[in-house]
Protein backbone atom coordinates (compact mmCIF):
# COMPACT_ATOMS: atom_id res chain seq x y z
CA MET A 1 111.40 56.18 -1.11
CA GLU A 2 113.89 53.96 -3.84
CA ASN A 3 110.72 52.71 -6.61
CA ILE A 4 110.10 57.01 -6.85
CA ILE A 5 109.89 58.06 -10.70
CA VAL A 6 110.34 61.71 -11.30
CA ALA A 7 109.74 63.47 -14.47
CA ALA A 8 109.79 66.46 -15.94
CA GLU A 9 108.48 68.26 -18.54
CA ILE A 10 110.15 71.56 -20.16
CA GLY A 11 107.51 72.92 -22.32
CA ASN A 12 106.95 76.18 -24.16
CA ALA A 13 104.20 77.55 -21.74
CA LYS A 14 104.80 75.61 -18.84
CA LEU A 15 107.64 73.98 -16.80
CA ALA A 16 106.08 70.71 -14.61
CA VAL A 17 107.56 68.47 -12.31
CA MET A 18 106.36 65.53 -11.36
CA ALA A 19 106.59 62.37 -8.81
CA ALA A 20 105.12 59.21 -8.88
CA ARG A 21 104.90 55.28 -7.01
CA LYS A 22 104.71 52.80 -9.63
CA VAL A 23 101.62 50.59 -7.27
CA ASP A 24 101.34 47.61 -9.77
CA ASP A 25 102.47 47.59 -14.39
CA LYS A 26 99.18 49.61 -14.93
CA ARG A 27 98.74 52.14 -12.10
CA LEU A 28 100.48 55.46 -11.23
CA HIS A 29 100.51 56.82 -7.15
CA VAL A 30 101.10 60.09 -7.54
CA LEU A 31 102.47 62.37 -5.07
CA ALA A 32 103.20 65.42 -5.85
CA VAL A 33 103.44 68.31 -8.47
CA GLU A 34 104.99 71.74 -9.33
CA THR A 35 104.49 73.42 -11.95
CA GLU A 36 105.16 77.08 -13.13
CA PRO A 37 104.87 79.22 -16.44
CA THR A 38 108.21 78.69 -18.70
CA PRO A 39 109.95 81.86 -18.41
CA LYS A 40 109.50 84.15 -21.64
CA ASN A 41 110.97 83.26 -24.91
CA CYS A 42 113.14 80.49 -23.12
CA VAL A 43 111.34 77.39 -24.79
CA CYS A 44 110.34 77.59 -28.52
CA ASN A 45 108.91 75.04 -30.48
CA GLY A 46 109.72 72.39 -27.44
CA VAL A 47 113.26 73.56 -27.91
CA VAL A 48 115.30 74.93 -24.96
CA CYS A 49 116.77 78.08 -26.09
CA LYS A 50 118.14 80.05 -22.89
CA PRO A 51 119.19 77.03 -20.93
CA THR A 52 120.49 79.26 -17.79
CA GLU A 53 116.95 80.90 -16.81
CA VAL A 54 115.65 77.30 -17.76
CA VAL A 55 117.77 75.84 -15.36
CA ALA A 56 116.92 78.02 -12.93
CA ALA A 57 113.53 78.24 -12.59
CA LEU A 58 113.44 73.79 -13.11
CA ASN A 59 115.40 74.36 -10.28
CA GLY A 60 113.35 76.26 -8.17
CA LEU A 61 110.54 73.59 -9.21
CA LEU A 62 111.92 70.47 -7.87
CA LYS A 63 114.11 71.63 -4.68
CA LYS A 64 109.43 72.20 -4.16
CA LEU A 65 109.05 69.35 -5.50
CA ALA A 66 111.51 67.08 -2.96
CA ASN A 67 110.45 69.53 -0.15
CA ARG A 68 106.30 68.25 -0.37
CA LEU A 69 108.24 64.30 -0.48
CA GLY A 70 109.84 65.26 2.77
CA ALA A 71 111.79 66.90 4.63
CA SER A 72 115.42 64.49 3.59
CA VAL A 73 114.26 64.06 0.25
CA VAL A 74 116.84 64.53 -2.54
CA ILE A 75 116.52 64.41 -6.50
CA THR A 76 119.08 62.67 -8.12
CA LYS A 77 118.42 62.41 -11.72
CA ILE A 78 114.75 63.05 -14.12
CA TYR A 79 113.27 61.82 -17.05
CA VAL A 80 112.14 64.69 -19.71
CA GLY A 81 109.17 63.87 -22.38
CA LEU A 82 111.40 64.93 -25.77
CA ASN A 83 108.54 67.09 -27.88
CA ALA A 84 110.37 69.52 -29.95
CA HIS A 85 108.90 70.45 -33.63
CA THR A 86 111.43 68.54 -35.20
CA LEU A 87 110.51 64.52 -34.16
CA ARG A 88 108.57 62.80 -36.08
CA THR A 89 108.83 59.34 -37.61
CA THR A 90 110.30 59.09 -41.54
CA PRO A 91 109.31 56.52 -43.73
CA VAL A 92 112.47 54.63 -45.42
CA SER A 93 112.78 51.70 -47.69
CA VAL A 94 115.85 50.02 -48.81
CA SER A 95 115.13 46.62 -50.73
CA ARG A 96 117.51 43.31 -51.68
CA SER A 97 117.68 40.77 -54.04
CA VAL A 98 117.21 36.78 -52.99
CA PHE A 99 118.97 34.10 -54.71
CA ASP A 100 117.04 30.84 -54.51
CA GLY A 101 117.75 29.05 -51.38
CA GLU A 102 118.58 31.70 -49.12
CA TRP A 103 117.93 32.44 -45.69
CA LEU A 104 117.47 35.56 -44.40
CA THR A 105 120.11 35.79 -41.89
CA ASP A 106 119.30 38.38 -38.95
CA ASP A 107 122.84 39.65 -39.73
CA ILE A 108 121.37 40.69 -43.26
CA LEU A 109 118.34 41.94 -41.43
CA ALA A 110 120.49 44.27 -39.64
CA ASP A 111 122.53 45.50 -42.30
CA LEU A 112 119.92 46.83 -43.89
CA GLU A 113 118.53 48.60 -40.97
CA GLN A 114 121.94 50.12 -40.87
CA GLU A 115 121.64 51.27 -44.68
CA ALA A 116 117.91 52.86 -44.24
CA LEU A 117 119.76 54.67 -41.52
CA ARG A 118 122.25 56.22 -43.74
CA GLN A 119 119.53 57.85 -45.63
CA LEU A 120 118.78 60.60 -43.19
CA PRO A 121 120.77 63.39 -43.16
CA ALA A 122 124.13 64.03 -40.47
CA GLU A 123 122.16 66.42 -38.82
CA LYS A 124 119.41 63.62 -37.76
CA GLN A 125 119.27 61.86 -34.49
CA VAL A 126 117.78 58.50 -34.78
CA LEU A 127 115.66 57.73 -31.33
CA GLU A 128 114.36 54.50 -32.67
CA VAL A 129 113.56 52.18 -35.59
CA SER A 130 110.62 49.79 -36.28
CA ALA A 131 110.28 47.51 -39.63
CA VAL A 132 106.80 48.33 -40.71
CA THR A 133 106.09 46.23 -43.87
CA TYR A 134 108.18 43.46 -45.66
CA MET A 135 107.11 42.53 -48.74
CA SER A 136 108.70 40.34 -51.35
CA ASN A 137 107.74 40.22 -55.41
CA ASP A 138 104.97 43.79 -54.73
CA ASN A 139 103.37 40.91 -52.17
CA VAL A 140 103.18 41.91 -48.42
CA VAL A 141 104.71 39.43 -46.05
CA ALA A 142 104.51 38.62 -42.43
CA GLN A 143 108.32 37.24 -42.40
CA PRO A 144 111.11 38.43 -44.25
CA HIS A 145 112.46 34.47 -43.67
CA ASP A 146 109.41 33.25 -45.20
CA VAL A 147 111.49 34.96 -48.81
CA THR A 148 113.13 32.67 -50.58
CA GLY A 149 113.97 33.84 -53.93
CA GLY A 150 113.53 36.88 -56.01
CA SER A 151 113.33 40.43 -53.83
CA LEU A 152 112.51 41.89 -50.30
CA GLN A 153 111.72 45.54 -49.56
CA VAL A 154 111.06 46.58 -46.17
CA THR A 155 110.36 49.82 -44.92
CA TYR A 156 111.22 51.87 -41.40
CA ALA A 157 109.50 53.79 -39.20
CA VAL A 158 112.78 56.04 -38.44
CA ALA A 159 111.83 58.15 -35.60
CA ASN A 160 114.44 61.06 -34.85
CA VAL A 161 115.06 64.22 -34.38
CA ASP A 162 117.31 67.37 -34.99
CA ALA A 163 120.68 66.18 -32.87
CA ASP A 164 120.90 69.82 -31.74
CA VAL A 165 117.09 69.78 -29.64
CA VAL A 166 119.19 66.45 -27.57
CA ASP A 167 122.26 68.13 -27.13
CA LYS A 168 120.57 71.57 -25.53
CA LEU A 169 118.22 68.91 -23.41
CA LYS A 170 121.11 66.81 -22.18
CA GLN A 171 123.32 70.30 -21.28
CA CYS A 172 120.24 72.16 -19.62
CA VAL A 173 119.42 69.07 -17.60
CA ALA A 174 123.50 69.22 -16.36
CA GLN A 175 123.85 71.91 -15.02
CA LEU A 176 120.86 70.93 -12.58
CA PRO A 177 122.65 70.86 -9.20
CA ALA A 178 123.40 67.31 -8.00
CA CYS A 179 120.31 65.60 -10.49
CA ALA A 180 120.84 63.69 -13.59
CA LEU A 181 118.93 62.64 -16.83
CA ALA A 182 118.01 59.53 -16.42
CA ASP A 183 115.98 59.27 -19.90
CA TYR A 184 114.51 61.39 -22.30
CA LEU A 185 111.33 59.87 -24.03
CA ILE A 186 109.72 60.06 -26.78
CA ALA A 187 106.64 62.26 -25.34
CA PRO A 188 103.96 61.96 -28.57
CA LYS A 189 104.52 57.59 -28.09
CA THR A 190 103.89 58.07 -24.42
CA THR A 191 101.29 59.78 -24.33
CA ALA A 192 99.60 58.21 -27.41
CA GLU A 193 100.44 55.14 -25.92
CA LEU A 194 98.84 55.94 -22.23
CA LEU A 195 95.46 57.03 -23.90
CA THR A 196 94.46 54.65 -26.08
CA THR A 197 93.23 50.54 -25.17
CA PRO A 198 93.80 47.74 -27.88
CA ASP A 199 90.59 48.34 -30.23
CA ASP A 200 91.91 51.93 -30.28
CA ARG A 201 94.99 51.12 -32.22
CA GLN A 202 93.71 49.02 -34.99
CA GLY A 203 92.49 52.87 -36.51
CA CYS A 204 92.96 56.12 -34.17
CA ALA A 205 94.81 59.07 -33.83
CA VAL A 206 95.88 60.88 -30.63
CA VAL A 207 96.18 64.67 -30.88
CA ASP A 208 97.99 66.54 -27.96
CA PHE A 209 97.40 70.44 -28.09
CA GLY A 210 99.83 71.78 -26.49
CA ALA A 211 100.42 75.93 -25.97
CA GLY A 212 103.43 75.81 -28.62
CA CYS A 213 103.46 72.43 -30.89
CA THR A 214 100.48 69.93 -31.34
CA SER A 215 101.51 66.27 -31.54
CA VAL A 216 100.13 63.43 -33.66
CA SER A 217 100.38 59.81 -33.20
CA VAL A 218 98.64 57.69 -35.67
CA PHE A 219 97.81 53.58 -34.42
CA VAL A 220 97.02 51.23 -37.19
CA ASP A 221 96.66 47.69 -37.29
CA GLY A 222 97.63 47.92 -33.81
CA ALA A 223 100.67 49.44 -34.37
CA LEU A 224 101.93 53.30 -34.06
CA LYS A 225 102.60 53.53 -37.17
CA HIS A 226 103.56 57.77 -37.27
CA PHE A 227 103.77 59.96 -35.29
CA ALA A 228 105.26 64.13 -36.13
CA VAL A 229 104.92 67.03 -34.02
CA ILE A 230 103.35 70.94 -35.26
CA PRO A 231 105.07 73.77 -34.31
CA LEU A 232 100.87 75.26 -33.91
CA GLY A 233 99.61 75.29 -30.69
CA GLY A 234 96.75 77.26 -28.23
CA GLN A 235 98.97 80.01 -27.42
CA HIS A 236 98.97 80.90 -31.18
CA ILE A 237 94.93 81.03 -30.68
CA THR A 238 95.79 83.45 -27.97
CA THR A 239 98.22 85.70 -30.08
CA ASP A 240 96.00 85.77 -32.67
CA LEU A 241 93.69 87.81 -30.25
CA ILE A 242 95.71 90.00 -28.84
CA THR A 243 96.99 90.83 -31.96
CA PHE A 244 93.43 91.31 -33.73
CA GLY A 245 91.51 92.32 -30.64
CA ASN A 246 94.30 94.62 -28.66
CA LEU A 247 93.49 92.44 -25.89
CA SER A 248 95.78 92.28 -22.80
CA GLU A 249 97.31 88.05 -22.66
CA HIS A 250 95.50 87.42 -19.77
CA GLU A 251 92.31 88.95 -21.65
CA ALA A 252 93.06 86.99 -24.13
CA GLU A 253 93.04 83.75 -22.27
CA SER A 254 90.44 84.12 -20.61
CA LEU A 255 88.25 84.71 -24.08
CA LYS A 256 89.83 81.30 -25.49
CA ARG A 257 88.28 79.48 -22.56
CA GLN A 258 85.17 80.96 -23.51
CA PHE A 259 85.22 79.86 -27.08
CA GLY A 260 83.40 76.65 -27.42
CA ILE A 261 80.48 77.94 -25.73
CA LYS A 262 80.73 81.56 -27.86
CA TYR A 263 81.38 78.44 -30.90
CA ALA A 264 78.20 76.81 -29.99
CA ASP A 265 75.85 78.93 -28.67
CA GLU A 266 74.69 80.45 -32.88
CA ASN A 267 71.44 82.13 -31.42
CA THR A 268 73.32 83.86 -28.45
CA ALA A 269 71.60 87.62 -28.25
CA LYS A 270 75.08 88.66 -27.29
CA LYS A 271 76.98 90.46 -29.86
CA TYR A 272 79.90 91.85 -28.26
CA PHE A 273 82.24 91.82 -25.58
CA GLN A 274 83.12 94.34 -23.26
CA MET A 275 86.22 94.67 -22.17
CA ALA A 276 87.39 95.88 -18.76
CA ASP A 277 88.52 99.64 -18.28
CA ALA A 278 91.80 100.42 -20.08
CA SER A 279 94.64 102.32 -18.46
CA ASP A 280 93.01 105.35 -20.48
CA GLY A 281 89.20 104.83 -18.91
CA THR A 282 88.62 103.88 -22.66
CA LYS A 283 85.93 101.21 -22.67
CA ARG A 284 86.49 97.97 -25.54
CA THR A 285 84.12 95.77 -27.55
CA LEU A 286 84.78 92.49 -29.30
CA SER A 287 82.60 91.57 -31.77
CA ILE A 288 81.37 87.48 -30.65
CA ASP A 289 81.50 87.06 -34.51
CA ASP A 290 85.06 88.37 -34.73
CA PHE A 291 86.51 86.58 -32.43
CA LYS A 292 84.98 83.34 -33.71
CA LYS A 293 86.94 83.84 -36.41
CA VAL A 294 89.78 84.77 -35.22
CA CYS A 295 89.63 81.31 -32.86
CA VAL A 296 88.42 79.06 -36.21
CA ALA A 297 91.17 80.35 -38.86
CA ARG A 298 93.72 79.09 -36.08
CA LEU A 299 92.21 75.40 -34.92
CA THR A 300 91.36 74.90 -38.76
CA GLU A 301 95.19 75.46 -39.36
CA ILE A 302 95.98 73.68 -36.84
CA VAL A 303 94.28 70.58 -37.32
CA LYS A 304 95.01 71.03 -41.57
CA TYR A 305 97.89 70.09 -40.86
CA VAL A 306 97.16 67.10 -38.32
CA MET A 307 95.06 65.51 -40.98
CA GLU A 308 97.71 65.41 -43.59
CA GLN A 309 100.05 63.94 -41.00
CA ILE A 310 97.40 61.08 -40.58
CA ALA A 311 96.77 61.15 -44.48
CA VAL A 312 101.09 60.46 -44.48
CA CYS A 313 99.81 56.18 -43.17
CA VAL A 314 96.49 55.95 -43.91
CA PRO A 315 93.38 57.83 -45.10
CA SER A 316 91.20 59.08 -42.41
CA ASP A 317 88.26 57.40 -43.28
CA GLN A 318 89.84 53.98 -41.71
CA LEU A 319 90.33 55.88 -38.47
CA SER A 320 87.87 53.27 -36.72
CA ALA A 321 88.08 55.15 -33.11
CA GLY A 322 88.63 58.49 -35.14
CA LEU A 323 90.59 61.28 -32.87
CA ILE A 324 91.50 61.19 -29.24
CA LEU A 325 92.58 64.53 -27.51
CA THR A 326 94.62 65.73 -25.29
CA GLY A 327 96.09 68.73 -23.48
CA GLY A 328 95.37 71.93 -22.54
CA LEU A 329 92.92 73.28 -25.45
CA THR A 330 90.85 70.26 -24.44
CA THR A 331 89.07 72.24 -21.18
CA MET A 332 87.55 74.16 -23.79
CA ASP A 333 84.08 73.87 -23.85
CA ASN A 334 82.89 71.29 -27.29
CA CYS A 335 86.15 70.84 -27.67
CA ALA A 336 86.00 67.75 -29.27
CA LYS A 337 82.80 68.83 -31.09
CA ILE A 338 84.74 71.81 -32.71
CA VAL A 339 87.22 69.06 -33.97
CA THR A 340 85.24 66.74 -35.05
CA GLY A 341 83.47 69.57 -37.27
CA ILE A 342 86.82 71.12 -38.52
CA ALA A 343 88.14 67.73 -39.81
CA GLY A 344 85.28 65.20 -40.60
CA VAL A 345 86.40 62.85 -38.33
CA SER A 346 84.94 62.22 -35.01
CA ALA A 347 86.90 63.42 -32.12
CA ARG A 348 86.73 62.69 -28.22
CA ILE A 349 88.85 63.57 -25.75
CA GLY A 350 91.24 61.29 -23.86
CA SER A 351 91.48 60.17 -20.00
CA HIS A 352 94.49 58.84 -18.43
CA ALA A 353 92.75 59.16 -14.61
CA HIS A 354 91.89 55.15 -14.85
CA TRP A 355 96.11 55.10 -14.78
CA LEU A 356 96.19 56.92 -11.74
CA THR A 357 95.03 55.75 -8.03
CA PRO A 358 92.28 57.06 -6.19
CA ASP A 359 94.56 58.78 -3.70
CA SER A 360 97.13 60.57 -6.49
CA VAL A 361 97.39 64.39 -6.56
CA LYS A 362 93.90 65.12 -7.88
CA GLN A 363 95.47 67.55 -10.29
CA ALA A 364 97.68 64.82 -12.24
CA SER A 365 94.27 63.94 -13.77
CA HIS A 366 94.03 67.15 -15.80
CA ASN A 367 94.77 66.54 -19.84
CA GLU A 368 97.34 69.37 -19.34
CA TYR A 369 99.77 66.92 -17.77
CA ALA A 370 98.88 63.46 -19.63
CA GLN A 371 102.89 63.95 -21.00
CA LEU A 372 103.83 63.51 -17.99
CA VAL A 373 102.37 60.34 -16.75
CA GLY A 374 102.93 58.81 -20.08
CA VAL A 375 106.79 59.52 -19.11
CA LEU A 376 106.31 58.46 -15.71
CA MET A 377 104.51 55.15 -16.59
CA GLN A 378 107.45 54.73 -18.93
CA GLY A 379 110.31 54.93 -16.18
CA SER A 380 111.99 53.01 -13.44
CA GLY A 381 112.34 54.04 -10.16
CA GLY A 382 115.16 55.34 -7.95
CA CYS A 383 115.38 59.28 -9.11
CA VAL A 384 115.30 60.13 -5.09
CA GLU A 385 117.60 59.67 -2.23
CA ILE A 386 117.11 59.90 1.28
CA GLN A 387 120.05 62.97 2.79
CA SER A 388 121.42 60.89 6.05
CA LYS A 389 120.75 64.10 9.07
CA LYS A 390 124.06 64.35 10.89
CA LYS A 391 123.85 65.13 14.99
CA LYS A 392 124.26 68.77 15.35
CA ARG A 393 126.72 68.98 18.91
CA SER A 394 126.66 71.27 21.32
CA GLY A 395 128.15 73.98 24.20
CA PHE A 396 131.03 72.15 25.57
CA LYS A 397 130.89 68.66 23.46
CA ASN A 398 130.68 70.79 19.68
CA ILE A 399 134.57 72.20 21.69
CA PHE A 400 135.56 69.20 22.95
CA GLY A 401 134.58 67.52 19.45
CA ARG A 402 135.85 69.64 16.85
CA MET A 403 139.40 69.32 19.45
CA GLU A 404 139.32 65.36 19.24
CA ASP A 405 138.94 65.73 15.71
CA MET A 406 142.50 67.94 15.65
CA PHE A 407 143.86 65.24 17.56
CA SER A 408 142.89 62.45 15.22
CA GLU A 409 144.36 63.99 12.32
């Protein structure tokens, strides 16, 4: 039990917890999953805004998860994926003159990094820093130590997020009884690493369609160069349908799942959707053409923002492996075909099933759980403890035992 890892996803549409054991460095045995809808308006764009309700729901899920692991199991800490809309990498450049024969020590390079970090606004929290490029006299160099004169310019990719996002997450988990935060991890990064191969990383973008947010992570030349979170997702398509068609949320979700079929079927003889009878007995219809226009308009907007983030670091025609899609929206039929048509870049649905053992909970292989699996892959064990059972005294032994305890004080 000591090597069990527990992760939580705190999303706009769902709260989910998952427990797994690492079989080796490359595979997980997922033991249990628990999920439920996020309390309404309690998480906005990946940020906890009503912690009391989120804590209550999350605590209930963790208790259910612990019970699945065993009657005496107690979850003592969790890993959480950070996926807020202000999460992104920011390119920051600093430069320095290098005298002839001067050796750039590690201390000098550390000072340059700190100079770069001071350029970020005070309200930003730095999560990770990586040097993207070194340039000397307008030429790219492999290592800064190779520079012996002239000038050096270093461009860093600084992963950052609004500091209050992290504070709210920490405060939320701190309210869980007997459960601490093991760590928070950059969800777009862990998900992207989960779904890509070394060949993919020569040029690809991983797009995770969440309910309230869509993340995009861009790999170039084998390295993660940029990621960002866009505050638009599948829930916005649902909301558009509710508003446009005067539908219930259930009706809108049901129609959204059919969007991929209707999008591909241009020759369908059916021109209208027949809605269920309203409470007043009136029948309602929705034009399939109008339905497609509403869905395409919002999805086009999301993909447009995705492509703008990709363009920050690489032209889209240099994505040799194209777009790799995941998230709940990928359950829609023809999702990859639709995105390919909008983006002008080949897209395919990613899969993380190969990371899971055959005896893992089947639910864990679904795309909507890629984020949780990615976080689990980066976590370590020690998230649960076995609670020892105290033997109950009964009858005369119970009375005698209490008397014995009193006299021993």
